[in-house]
Amino acid sequence: MIAIVDYGMGNLFSIYNALVRVSGEPMIVTEPDFSEADGIVVPGVGSFGRCMEQLARFGEALRQELDEGKPVLGICIGMQVLFDESAESPGAQGLAWMPGKVVRLPSGMMVPQMGWNDLRITREIPLLDGISSGDRFYFVHSYHCRPDDRSVLAATVEYGTEVVAVVENDNLAATQFHPEKSGPRGLRILENFVRCVRC
């Protein structure tokens, strides 16, 4: 079973339905108990600070599962909250599972970036099995992540600057784009995550 964390900040049914399509056996989880889950998805739409307020009660349980090796996938703001802090919400602390900051997209670009963009793969990882540079994915965001350790990067896109699109460190991975809204290529990424959960 793959737990989808319901902390009140996302279109849960899009990711739920996408995981059903790839035989992920999803379950929407409203309490911080992931003992029955084989993998965890942290989705999200909204501001960094508000997401952290809502996510706070899940933090300890999520960290325990991560430390025990359970696969975790963050999506969109669910990727950004993995970092230390965000310019969107000064003073708000992220989960700090990956050192780095979240900054606003560059001036002169339309914000939010809303639409399709071409992926550039920088490192082969299981989550990107069957995905090629040039494949297009759907983004909706105004801020982007800057990891301190660039070794976690797996893919980027260009949007006035290099935008980190996929990160991975051991059993923790995340995408800035929405795989559940990215057609067959997005479903392939979710299928890969399900495969990683079951391996």
N, C-alpha and C. Protein backbone atom coordinates (compact mmCIF):
# COMPACT_ATOMS: atom_id res chain seq x y z
N MET A 1 0.84 -1.19 0.00
CA MET A 1 0.00 0.00 0.00
C MET A 1 0.88 1.25 0.00
N ILE A 2 0.48 2.24 -0.76
CA ILE A 2 1.18 3.52 -0.79
C ILE A 2 0.31 4.57 -0.11
N ALA A 3 0.84 5.17 0.94
CA ALA A 3 0.11 6.19 1.69
C ALA A 3 0.28 7.55 1.02
N ILE A 4 -0.84 8.23 0.79
CA ILE A 4 -0.82 9.62 0.33
C ILE A 4 -1.15 10.49 1.53
N VAL A 5 -0.22 11.37 1.91
CA VAL A 5 -0.39 12.15 3.12
C VAL A 5 -1.41 13.26 2.88
N ASP A 6 -2.50 13.21 3.62
CA ASP A 6 -3.55 14.22 3.53
C ASP A 6 -3.34 15.23 4.65
N TYR A 7 -2.67 16.33 4.32
CA TYR A 7 -2.49 17.39 5.31
C TYR A 7 -3.22 18.67 4.88
N GLY A 8 -4.22 18.48 4.01
CA GLY A 8 -5.11 19.57 3.65
C GLY A 8 -4.56 20.51 2.60
N MET A 9 -3.53 20.11 1.84
CA MET A 9 -2.88 21.04 0.92
C MET A 9 -2.66 20.46 -0.46
N GLY A 10 -3.60 19.73 -0.99
CA GLY A 10 -3.34 19.19 -2.32
C GLY A 10 -4.57 18.58 -2.95
N ASN A 11 -4.50 18.41 -4.27
CA ASN A 11 -5.53 17.70 -5.00
C ASN A 11 -5.21 16.21 -4.90
N LEU A 12 -5.68 15.62 -3.81
CA LEU A 12 -5.30 14.24 -3.51
C LEU A 12 -5.87 13.24 -4.53
N PHE A 13 -7.00 13.57 -5.11
CA PHE A 13 -7.66 12.58 -5.94
C PHE A 13 -6.94 12.40 -7.28
N SER A 14 -6.26 13.44 -7.76
CA SER A 14 -5.48 13.28 -9.00
C SER A 14 -4.35 12.28 -8.79
N ILE A 15 -3.61 12.42 -7.70
CA ILE A 15 -2.51 11.49 -7.45
C ILE A 15 -3.05 10.12 -7.06
N TYR A 16 -4.15 10.09 -6.34
CA TYR A 16 -4.78 8.81 -5.98
C TYR A 16 -5.16 8.04 -7.25
N ASN A 17 -5.85 8.71 -8.17
CA ASN A 17 -6.30 8.04 -9.39
C ASN A 17 -5.13 7.62 -10.26
N ALA A 18 -4.08 8.43 -10.30
CA ALA A 18 -2.91 8.07 -11.09
C ALA A 18 -2.23 6.83 -10.51
N LEU A 19 -2.13 6.76 -9.19
CA LEU A 19 -1.52 5.57 -8.57
C LEU A 19 -2.38 4.33 -8.77
N VAL A 20 -3.69 4.49 -8.78
CA VAL A 20 -4.57 3.36 -9.09
C VAL A 20 -4.27 2.84 -10.50
N ARG A 21 -4.04 3.76 -11.43
CA ARG A 21 -3.80 3.38 -12.83
C ARG A 21 -2.51 2.57 -12.98
N VAL A 22 -1.56 2.78 -12.06
CA VAL A 22 -0.29 2.03 -12.16
C VAL A 22 -0.22 0.95 -11.08
N SER A 23 -1.40 0.54 -10.58
CA SER A 23 -1.51 -0.55 -9.60
C SER A 23 -0.73 -0.28 -8.32
N GLY A 24 -0.79 0.98 -7.87
CA GLY A 24 -0.05 1.37 -6.67
C GLY A 24 -0.74 1.10 -5.36
N GLU A 25 -2.01 0.70 -5.39
CA GLU A 25 -2.80 0.45 -4.18
C GLU A 25 -2.69 1.62 -3.19
N PRO A 26 -3.13 2.82 -3.63
CA PRO A 26 -2.99 4.00 -2.77
C PRO A 26 -4.05 4.04 -1.67
N MET A 27 -3.70 4.72 -0.60
CA MET A 27 -4.64 5.01 0.48
C MET A 27 -4.36 6.41 0.99
N ILE A 28 -5.40 7.23 1.11
CA ILE A 28 -5.25 8.58 1.66
C ILE A 28 -5.20 8.47 3.18
N VAL A 29 -4.13 9.01 3.76
CA VAL A 29 -3.86 8.87 5.20
C VAL A 29 -4.03 10.22 5.87
N THR A 30 -4.88 10.29 6.88
CA THR A 30 -5.17 11.55 7.57
C THR A 30 -4.54 11.64 8.95
N GLU A 31 -3.97 10.52 9.41
CA GLU A 31 -3.31 10.49 10.72
C GLU A 31 -1.85 10.08 10.55
N PRO A 32 -0.96 10.52 11.45
CA PRO A 32 0.47 10.22 11.31
C PRO A 32 0.85 8.81 11.72
N ASP A 33 0.26 7.85 11.01
CA ASP A 33 0.56 6.44 11.23
C ASP A 33 0.76 5.78 9.88
N PHE A 34 2.01 5.44 9.58
CA PHE A 34 2.34 4.87 8.27
C PHE A 34 2.81 3.43 8.39
N SER A 35 2.45 2.78 9.48
CA SER A 35 2.95 1.44 9.75
C SER A 35 2.49 0.43 8.70
N GLU A 36 1.33 0.65 8.09
CA GLU A 36 0.81 -0.28 7.09
C GLU A 36 1.28 0.04 5.69
N ALA A 37 1.96 1.16 5.52
CA ALA A 37 2.36 1.61 4.19
C ALA A 37 3.70 1.02 3.79
N ASP A 38 3.84 0.72 2.50
CA ASP A 38 5.11 0.28 1.93
C ASP A 38 5.89 1.45 1.34
N GLY A 39 5.18 2.52 1.01
CA GLY A 39 5.78 3.74 0.49
C GLY A 39 4.87 4.91 0.81
N ILE A 40 5.40 6.12 0.70
CA ILE A 40 4.67 7.32 1.09
C ILE A 40 4.82 8.39 0.02
N VAL A 41 3.71 9.06 -0.31
CA VAL A 41 3.72 10.20 -1.22
C VAL A 41 3.30 11.45 -0.45
N VAL A 42 4.11 12.50 -0.55
CA VAL A 42 3.79 13.79 0.06
C VAL A 42 3.46 14.76 -1.08
N PRO A 43 2.17 14.95 -1.38
CA PRO A 43 1.78 15.87 -2.46
C PRO A 43 1.66 17.28 -1.89
N GLY A 44 1.08 18.18 -2.65
CA GLY A 44 0.83 19.50 -2.08
C GLY A 44 0.67 20.58 -3.12
N VAL A 45 -0.18 21.53 -2.77
CA VAL A 45 -0.38 22.75 -3.55
C VAL A 45 -0.57 23.86 -2.52
N GLY A 46 0.12 24.98 -2.71
CA GLY A 46 -0.07 26.08 -1.78
C GLY A 46 1.24 26.68 -1.34
N SER A 47 1.19 27.53 -0.32
CA SER A 47 2.38 28.23 0.14
C SER A 47 3.21 27.36 1.08
N PHE A 48 4.51 27.62 1.09
CA PHE A 48 5.45 26.84 1.89
C PHE A 48 5.09 26.90 3.38
N GLY A 49 4.87 28.10 3.89
CA GLY A 49 4.60 28.25 5.32
C GLY A 49 3.32 27.55 5.75
N ARG A 50 2.28 27.72 4.97
CA ARG A 50 1.00 27.07 5.30
C ARG A 50 1.13 25.56 5.22
N CYS A 51 1.86 25.08 4.22
CA CYS A 51 2.06 23.63 4.12
C CYS A 51 2.80 23.09 5.33
N MET A 52 3.82 23.79 5.79
CA MET A 52 4.56 23.33 6.95
C MET A 52 3.70 23.34 8.21
N GLU A 53 2.84 24.33 8.35
CA GLU A 53 1.91 24.35 9.49
C GLU A 53 1.03 23.11 9.49
N GLN A 54 0.51 22.77 8.32
CA GLN A 54 -0.40 21.64 8.20
C GLN A 54 0.34 20.30 8.31
N LEU A 55 1.58 20.29 7.83
CA LEU A 55 2.35 19.05 7.79
C LEU A 55 3.02 18.73 9.12
N ALA A 56 3.09 19.71 10.01
CA ALA A 56 3.88 19.57 11.24
C ALA A 56 3.52 18.31 12.03
N ARG A 57 2.24 17.98 12.12
CA ARG A 57 1.86 16.84 12.95
C ARG A 57 2.28 15.50 12.35
N PHE A 58 2.63 15.51 11.07
CA PHE A 58 3.10 14.28 10.42
C PHE A 58 4.62 14.15 10.47
N GLY A 59 5.31 15.25 10.81
CA GLY A 59 6.76 15.30 10.61
C GLY A 59 7.53 14.21 11.30
N GLU A 60 7.26 13.96 12.58
CA GLU A 60 8.02 12.96 13.32
C GLU A 60 7.80 11.56 12.76
N ALA A 61 6.55 11.24 12.45
CA ALA A 61 6.25 9.91 11.91
C ALA A 61 6.88 9.73 10.53
N LEU A 62 6.84 10.78 9.71
CA LEU A 62 7.45 10.70 8.39
C LEU A 62 8.96 10.50 8.49
N ARG A 63 9.59 11.23 9.40
CA ARG A 63 11.04 11.11 9.56
C ARG A 63 11.42 9.70 10.01
N GLN A 64 10.63 9.13 10.90
CA GLN A 64 10.90 7.77 11.36
C GLN A 64 10.84 6.78 10.21
N GLU A 65 9.82 6.92 9.37
CA GLU A 65 9.68 6.00 8.23
C GLU A 65 10.83 6.20 7.25
N LEU A 66 11.21 7.45 7.02
CA LEU A 66 12.33 7.73 6.13
C LEU A 66 13.61 7.10 6.66
N ASP A 67 13.87 7.27 7.94
CA ASP A 67 15.09 6.74 8.56
C ASP A 67 15.12 5.22 8.52
N GLU A 68 13.95 4.60 8.51
CA GLU A 68 13.88 3.14 8.48
C GLU A 68 13.94 2.60 7.05
N GLY A 69 14.08 3.48 6.08
CA GLY A 69 14.29 3.05 4.70
C GLY A 69 13.05 2.98 3.84
N LYS A 70 11.92 3.47 4.32
CA LYS A 70 10.70 3.41 3.52
C LYS A 70 10.79 4.44 2.38
N PRO A 71 10.46 4.08 1.14
CA PRO A 71 10.51 5.03 0.04
C PRO A 71 9.50 6.17 0.22
N VAL A 72 9.98 7.39 0.01
CA VAL A 72 9.15 8.59 0.12
C VAL A 72 9.30 9.41 -1.16
N LEU A 73 8.16 9.86 -1.71
CA LEU A 73 8.15 10.69 -2.91
C LEU A 73 7.42 11.99 -2.61
N GLY A 74 8.12 13.12 -2.77
CA GLY A 74 7.49 14.43 -2.65
C GLY A 74 7.14 14.97 -4.02
N ILE A 75 6.02 15.70 -4.11
CA ILE A 75 5.55 16.26 -5.38
C ILE A 75 5.25 17.74 -5.20
N CYS A 76 5.82 18.59 -6.06
CA CYS A 76 5.59 20.03 -6.10
C CYS A 76 5.97 20.68 -4.77
N ILE A 77 5.02 21.24 -4.02
CA ILE A 77 5.37 21.80 -2.72
C ILE A 77 5.84 20.69 -1.77
N GLY A 78 5.42 19.47 -2.06
CA GLY A 78 5.91 18.32 -1.30
C GLY A 78 7.39 18.05 -1.54
N MET A 79 7.95 18.61 -2.60
CA MET A 79 9.40 18.62 -2.80
C MET A 79 10.03 19.78 -2.05
N GLN A 80 9.43 20.95 -2.15
CA GLN A 80 10.03 22.14 -1.55
C GLN A 80 10.14 22.04 -0.03
N VAL A 81 9.15 21.42 0.62
CA VAL A 81 9.20 21.33 2.08
C VAL A 81 10.30 20.40 2.58
N LEU A 82 10.93 19.64 1.68
CA LEU A 82 12.05 18.79 2.09
C LEU A 82 13.28 19.61 2.46
N PHE A 83 13.32 20.88 2.03
CA PHE A 83 14.49 21.72 2.21
C PHE A 83 14.37 22.56 3.49
N ASP A 84 15.41 23.36 3.75
CA ASP A 84 15.49 24.07 5.03
C ASP A 84 14.49 25.21 5.17
N GLU A 85 14.35 26.01 4.10
CA GLU A 85 13.53 27.21 4.19
C GLU A 85 13.17 27.68 2.80
N SER A 86 12.21 28.63 2.74
CA SER A 86 11.77 29.15 1.45
C SER A 86 11.60 30.66 1.52
N ALA A 87 12.00 31.35 0.46
CA ALA A 87 11.79 32.78 0.36
C ALA A 87 10.30 33.13 0.33
N GLU A 88 9.47 32.16 0.03
CA GLU A 88 8.03 32.40 0.00
C GLU A 88 7.48 32.68 1.39
N SER A 89 8.07 32.07 2.42
CA SER A 89 7.56 32.18 3.78
C SER A 89 8.73 32.39 4.75
N PRO A 90 9.28 33.62 4.79
CA PRO A 90 10.43 33.88 5.66
C PRO A 90 10.13 33.52 7.12
N GLY A 91 11.06 32.82 7.73
CA GLY A 91 10.89 32.41 9.12
C GLY A 91 10.32 31.02 9.29
N ALA A 92 9.67 30.51 8.26
CA ALA A 92 9.12 29.15 8.34
C ALA A 92 10.23 28.14 8.08
N GLN A 93 10.27 27.10 8.89
CA GLN A 93 11.28 26.07 8.74
C GLN A 93 10.72 24.88 7.98
N GLY A 94 11.48 24.38 7.01
CA GLY A 94 11.08 23.18 6.29
C GLY A 94 11.45 21.93 7.07
N LEU A 95 11.24 20.79 6.46
CA LEU A 95 11.60 19.52 7.10
C LEU A 95 13.10 19.34 7.22
N ALA A 96 13.87 20.04 6.36
CA ALA A 96 15.33 20.00 6.40
C ALA A 96 15.88 18.59 6.19
N TRP A 97 15.24 17.82 5.33
CA TRP A 97 15.75 16.50 4.99
C TRP A 97 16.81 16.59 3.90
N MET A 98 16.81 17.70 3.15
CA MET A 98 17.84 17.98 2.16
C MET A 98 18.33 19.41 2.41
N PRO A 99 19.61 19.61 2.65
CA PRO A 99 20.11 20.96 2.88
C PRO A 99 19.92 21.84 1.64
N GLY A 100 19.44 23.05 1.86
CA GLY A 100 19.25 23.97 0.75
C GLY A 100 18.07 24.88 0.98
N LYS A 101 17.84 25.77 0.03
CA LYS A 101 16.79 26.77 0.14
C LYS A 101 15.87 26.72 -1.08
N VAL A 102 14.71 27.31 -0.92
CA VAL A 102 13.74 27.46 -2.01
C VAL A 102 13.67 28.95 -2.33
N VAL A 103 13.85 29.29 -3.60
CA VAL A 103 13.90 30.69 -4.01
C VAL A 103 12.87 30.95 -5.11
N ARG A 104 12.57 32.23 -5.32
CA ARG A 104 11.58 32.59 -6.33
C ARG A 104 12.16 32.44 -7.73
N LEU A 105 11.32 32.09 -8.67
CA LEU A 105 11.73 32.04 -10.07
C LEU A 105 12.22 33.42 -10.50
N PRO A 106 13.11 33.49 -11.48
CA PRO A 106 13.73 34.78 -11.81
C PRO A 106 12.75 35.81 -12.33
N SER A 107 13.07 37.07 -12.03
CA SER A 107 12.27 38.17 -12.56
C SER A 107 12.37 38.18 -14.07
N GLY A 108 11.33 38.64 -14.72
CA GLY A 108 11.29 38.63 -16.17
C GLY A 108 10.61 37.41 -16.75
N MET A 109 10.44 36.38 -15.92
CA MET A 109 9.73 35.18 -16.36
C MET A 109 8.29 35.24 -15.86
N MET A 110 7.37 34.67 -16.62
CA MET A 110 5.99 34.61 -16.15
C MET A 110 5.91 33.70 -14.94
N VAL A 111 5.32 34.22 -13.88
CA VAL A 111 5.21 33.47 -12.62
C VAL A 111 3.74 33.43 -12.24
N PRO A 112 3.21 32.24 -11.91
CA PRO A 112 3.91 30.97 -11.84
C PRO A 112 4.25 30.40 -13.22
N GLN A 113 5.28 29.55 -13.25
CA GLN A 113 5.47 28.72 -14.42
C GLN A 113 4.33 27.73 -14.43
N MET A 114 3.52 27.79 -15.46
CA MET A 114 2.34 26.92 -15.53
C MET A 114 2.29 26.32 -16.93
N GLY A 115 2.71 25.07 -17.01
CA GLY A 115 2.69 24.42 -18.31
C GLY A 115 3.78 23.38 -18.42
N TRP A 116 4.04 22.98 -19.66
CA TRP A 116 4.94 21.87 -19.94
C TRP A 116 6.36 22.37 -20.14
N ASN A 117 7.32 21.56 -19.73
CA ASN A 117 8.72 21.90 -19.91
C ASN A 117 9.52 20.62 -20.18
N ASP A 118 10.65 20.80 -20.88
CA ASP A 118 11.48 19.67 -21.30
C ASP A 118 12.47 19.29 -20.21
N LEU A 119 12.46 18.04 -19.82
CA LEU A 119 13.36 17.55 -18.79
C LEU A 119 14.76 17.34 -19.36
N ARG A 120 15.76 17.64 -18.54
CA ARG A 120 17.15 17.29 -18.86
C ARG A 120 17.68 16.41 -17.74
N ILE A 121 17.91 15.16 -18.05
CA ILE A 121 18.36 14.21 -17.03
C ILE A 121 19.85 14.41 -16.78
N THR A 122 20.22 14.55 -15.52
CA THR A 122 21.62 14.74 -15.13
C THR A 122 22.20 13.51 -14.44
N ARG A 123 21.33 12.62 -14.00
CA ARG A 123 21.80 11.41 -13.31
C ARG A 123 20.73 10.33 -13.44
N GLU A 124 21.15 9.15 -13.80
CA GLU A 124 20.21 8.04 -13.96
C GLU A 124 19.82 7.50 -12.58
N ILE A 125 18.53 7.45 -12.31
CA ILE A 125 18.00 6.89 -11.07
C ILE A 125 16.81 6.01 -11.40
N PRO A 126 16.44 5.08 -10.52
CA PRO A 126 15.31 4.19 -10.82
C PRO A 126 14.00 4.94 -11.09
N LEU A 127 13.77 6.08 -10.43
CA LEU A 127 12.53 6.83 -10.64
C LEU A 127 12.40 7.30 -12.09
N LEU A 128 13.52 7.48 -12.77
CA LEU A 128 13.51 7.99 -14.15
C LEU A 128 13.74 6.89 -15.18
N ASP A 129 13.59 5.65 -14.78
CA ASP A 129 13.73 4.54 -15.73
C ASP A 129 12.71 4.70 -16.86
N GLY A 130 13.19 4.65 -18.09
CA GLY A 130 12.30 4.79 -19.24
C GLY A 130 12.00 6.23 -19.61
N ILE A 131 12.55 7.19 -18.87
CA ILE A 131 12.37 8.61 -19.15
C ILE A 131 13.64 9.12 -19.83
N SER A 132 13.48 9.99 -20.84
CA SER A 132 14.63 10.51 -21.58
C SER A 132 14.67 12.03 -21.49
N SER A 133 15.85 12.59 -21.62
CA SER A 133 15.96 14.04 -21.76
C SER A 133 15.11 14.48 -22.95
N GLY A 134 14.37 15.56 -22.76
CA GLY A 134 13.45 16.03 -23.80
C GLY A 134 12.01 15.64 -23.54
N ASP A 135 11.79 14.63 -22.70
CA ASP A 135 10.41 14.30 -22.32
C ASP A 135 9.82 15.48 -21.55
N ARG A 136 8.52 15.70 -21.74
CA ARG A 136 7.89 16.91 -21.21
C ARG A 136 7.00 16.57 -20.01
N PHE A 137 7.04 17.46 -19.02
CA PHE A 137 6.27 17.28 -17.79
C PHE A 137 5.60 18.60 -17.41
N TYR A 138 4.54 18.48 -16.62
CA TYR A 138 3.68 19.63 -16.32
C TYR A 138 4.04 20.27 -14.98
N PHE A 139 4.33 21.56 -15.02
CA PHE A 139 4.74 22.33 -13.85
C PHE A 139 3.71 23.39 -13.50
N VAL A 140 3.53 23.63 -12.19
CA VAL A 140 2.78 24.79 -11.69
C VAL A 140 3.51 25.24 -10.42
N HIS A 141 4.34 26.28 -10.54
CA HIS A 141 5.09 26.72 -9.36
C HIS A 141 5.66 28.12 -9.58
N SER A 142 5.90 28.81 -8.46
CA SER A 142 6.51 30.15 -8.48
C SER A 142 7.89 30.15 -7.85
N TYR A 143 8.23 29.09 -7.14
CA TYR A 143 9.50 28.97 -6.43
C TYR A 143 10.18 27.66 -6.84
N HIS A 144 11.50 27.62 -6.65
CA HIS A 144 12.24 26.41 -7.02
C HIS A 144 13.36 26.16 -6.02
N CYS A 145 13.82 24.93 -5.99
CA CYS A 145 14.76 24.47 -4.96
C CYS A 145 16.21 24.65 -5.42
N ARG A 146 17.04 25.03 -4.45
CA ARG A 146 18.48 25.10 -4.67
C ARG A 146 19.19 24.24 -3.62
N PRO A 147 19.43 22.98 -3.95
CA PRO A 147 20.11 22.10 -2.99
C PRO A 147 21.56 22.55 -2.76
N ASP A 148 22.00 22.45 -1.52
CA ASP A 148 23.41 22.72 -1.22
C ASP A 148 24.31 21.65 -1.83
N ASP A 149 23.82 20.43 -1.84
CA ASP A 149 24.57 19.29 -2.37
C ASP A 149 24.01 18.93 -3.73
N ARG A 150 24.74 19.30 -4.79
CA ARG A 150 24.23 19.06 -6.13
C ARG A 150 24.23 17.58 -6.53
N SER A 151 24.82 16.74 -5.70
CA SER A 151 24.80 15.31 -6.01
C SER A 151 23.40 14.72 -5.93
N VAL A 152 22.46 15.42 -5.28
CA VAL A 152 21.09 14.90 -5.19
C VAL A 152 20.30 15.17 -6.47
N LEU A 153 20.82 16.05 -7.34
CA LEU A 153 20.10 16.37 -8.58
C LEU A 153 20.01 15.15 -9.48
N ALA A 154 18.84 14.96 -10.08
CA ALA A 154 18.67 13.91 -11.08
C ALA A 154 18.16 14.45 -12.40
N ALA A 155 17.46 15.61 -12.36
CA ALA A 155 16.96 16.21 -13.59
C ALA A 155 16.67 17.69 -13.36
N THR A 156 16.81 18.47 -14.41
CA THR A 156 16.53 19.90 -14.36
C THR A 156 15.68 20.30 -15.57
N VAL A 157 15.15 21.52 -15.54
CA VAL A 157 14.57 22.16 -16.71
C VAL A 157 15.11 23.59 -16.75
N GLU A 158 14.93 24.24 -17.88
CA GLU A 158 15.30 25.65 -18.00
C GLU A 158 14.03 26.51 -17.95
N TYR A 159 14.06 27.52 -17.09
CA TYR A 159 12.97 28.50 -17.06
C TYR A 159 13.55 29.83 -16.56
N GLY A 160 14.33 30.45 -17.44
CA GLY A 160 15.03 31.66 -17.08
C GLY A 160 16.27 31.40 -16.26
N THR A 161 16.40 30.21 -15.77
CA THR A 161 17.54 29.72 -15.01
C THR A 161 17.43 28.21 -14.94
N GLU A 162 18.43 27.56 -14.38
CA GLU A 162 18.32 26.12 -14.15
C GLU A 162 17.34 25.89 -13.01
N VAL A 163 16.32 25.11 -13.25
CA VAL A 163 15.32 24.76 -12.23
C VAL A 163 15.46 23.28 -11.93
N VAL A 164 15.66 22.96 -10.68
CA VAL A 164 15.78 21.56 -10.26
C VAL A 164 14.40 20.91 -10.37
N ALA A 165 14.33 19.84 -11.14
CA ALA A 165 13.05 19.18 -11.41
C ALA A 165 12.89 17.86 -10.67
N VAL A 166 14.00 17.16 -10.44
CA VAL A 166 13.97 15.87 -9.73
C VAL A 166 15.19 15.79 -8.82
N VAL A 167 14.96 15.37 -7.58
CA VAL A 167 16.06 15.10 -6.65
C VAL A 167 15.88 13.69 -6.09
N GLU A 168 16.99 13.10 -5.66
CA GLU A 168 16.94 11.76 -5.08
C GLU A 168 18.14 11.57 -4.16
N ASN A 169 17.87 11.04 -2.99
CA ASN A 169 18.93 10.69 -2.05
C ASN A 169 18.48 9.44 -1.30
N ASP A 170 19.06 8.29 -1.66
CA ASP A 170 18.68 7.00 -1.07
C ASP A 170 17.19 6.74 -1.29
N ASN A 171 16.41 6.61 -0.22
CA ASN A 171 14.99 6.28 -0.35
C ASN A 171 14.09 7.50 -0.43
N LEU A 172 14.67 8.69 -0.55
CA LEU A 172 13.91 9.93 -0.65
C LEU A 172 14.06 10.51 -2.06
N ALA A 173 12.93 10.76 -2.72
CA ALA A 173 12.94 11.36 -4.06
C ALA A 173 11.81 12.38 -4.15
N ALA A 174 11.94 13.29 -5.10
CA ALA A 174 10.89 14.30 -5.25
C ALA A 174 10.94 14.89 -6.65
N THR A 175 9.79 15.38 -7.10
CA THR A 175 9.67 16.05 -8.39
C THR A 175 9.02 17.41 -8.19
N GLN A 176 9.55 18.43 -8.89
CA GLN A 176 8.91 19.74 -8.86
C GLN A 176 7.66 19.73 -9.73
N PHE A 177 7.65 18.96 -10.77
CA PHE A 177 6.48 18.85 -11.64
C PHE A 177 5.45 17.89 -11.04
N HIS A 178 4.29 17.86 -11.67
CA HIS A 178 3.20 16.98 -11.24
C HIS A 178 3.16 15.76 -12.15
N PRO A 179 3.69 14.63 -11.72
CA PRO A 179 3.61 13.44 -12.59
C PRO A 179 2.18 13.02 -12.86
N GLU A 180 1.30 13.24 -11.89
CA GLU A 180 -0.09 12.82 -12.05
C GLU A 180 -0.83 13.63 -13.10
N LYS A 181 -0.24 14.75 -13.56
CA LYS A 181 -0.86 15.59 -14.59
C LYS A 181 -0.01 15.61 -15.86
N SER A 182 0.95 14.70 -15.96
CA SER A 182 1.92 14.74 -17.05
C SER A 182 1.75 13.60 -18.05
N GLY A 183 0.55 13.07 -18.16
CA GLY A 183 0.29 12.08 -19.18
C GLY A 183 1.06 10.78 -19.00
N PRO A 184 1.32 10.06 -20.10
CA PRO A 184 1.97 8.76 -20.00
C PRO A 184 3.36 8.80 -19.36
N ARG A 185 4.13 9.85 -19.62
CA ARG A 185 5.47 9.95 -19.02
C ARG A 185 5.37 10.11 -17.50
N GLY A 186 4.39 10.88 -17.06
CA GLY A 186 4.18 11.04 -15.62
C GLY A 186 3.75 9.74 -14.97
N LEU A 187 2.88 9.01 -15.65
CA LEU A 187 2.46 7.71 -15.12
C LEU A 187 3.64 6.75 -15.05
N ARG A 188 4.58 6.86 -16.00
CA ARG A 188 5.76 5.99 -15.96
C ARG A 188 6.58 6.27 -14.70
N ILE A 189 6.69 7.54 -14.33
CA ILE A 189 7.43 7.88 -13.11
C ILE A 189 6.74 7.28 -11.89
N LEU A 190 5.42 7.40 -11.83
CA LEU A 190 4.70 6.82 -10.69
C LEU A 190 4.81 5.29 -10.70
N GLU A 191 4.78 4.71 -11.88
CA GLU A 191 4.96 3.26 -11.98
C GLU A 191 6.35 2.86 -11.47
N ASN A 192 7.35 3.67 -11.80
CA ASN A 192 8.71 3.40 -11.31
C ASN A 192 8.76 3.50 -9.79
N PHE A 193 8.06 4.48 -9.22
CA PHE A 193 8.03 4.60 -7.76
C PHE A 193 7.38 3.37 -7.13
N VAL A 194 6.28 2.93 -7.71
CA VAL A 194 5.61 1.72 -7.21
C VAL A 194 6.57 0.54 -7.29
N ARG A 195 7.31 0.42 -8.36
CA ARG A 195 8.28 -0.67 -8.51
C ARG A 195 9.36 -0.58 -7.42
N CYS A 196 9.83 0.62 -7.14
CA CYS A 196 10.84 0.82 -6.10
C CYS A 196 10.29 0.43 -4.74
N VAL A 197 9.03 0.75 -4.51
CA VAL A 197 8.39 0.41 -3.23
C VAL A 197 8.36 -1.10 -3.03
N ARG A 198 8.14 -1.82 -4.12
CA ARG A 198 7.94 -3.27 -4.02
C ARG A 198 9.22 -4.09 -4.17
N CYS A 199 10.34 -3.42 -4.50
CA CYS A 199 11.56 -4.19 -4.74
C CYS A 199 12.25 -4.56 -3.41
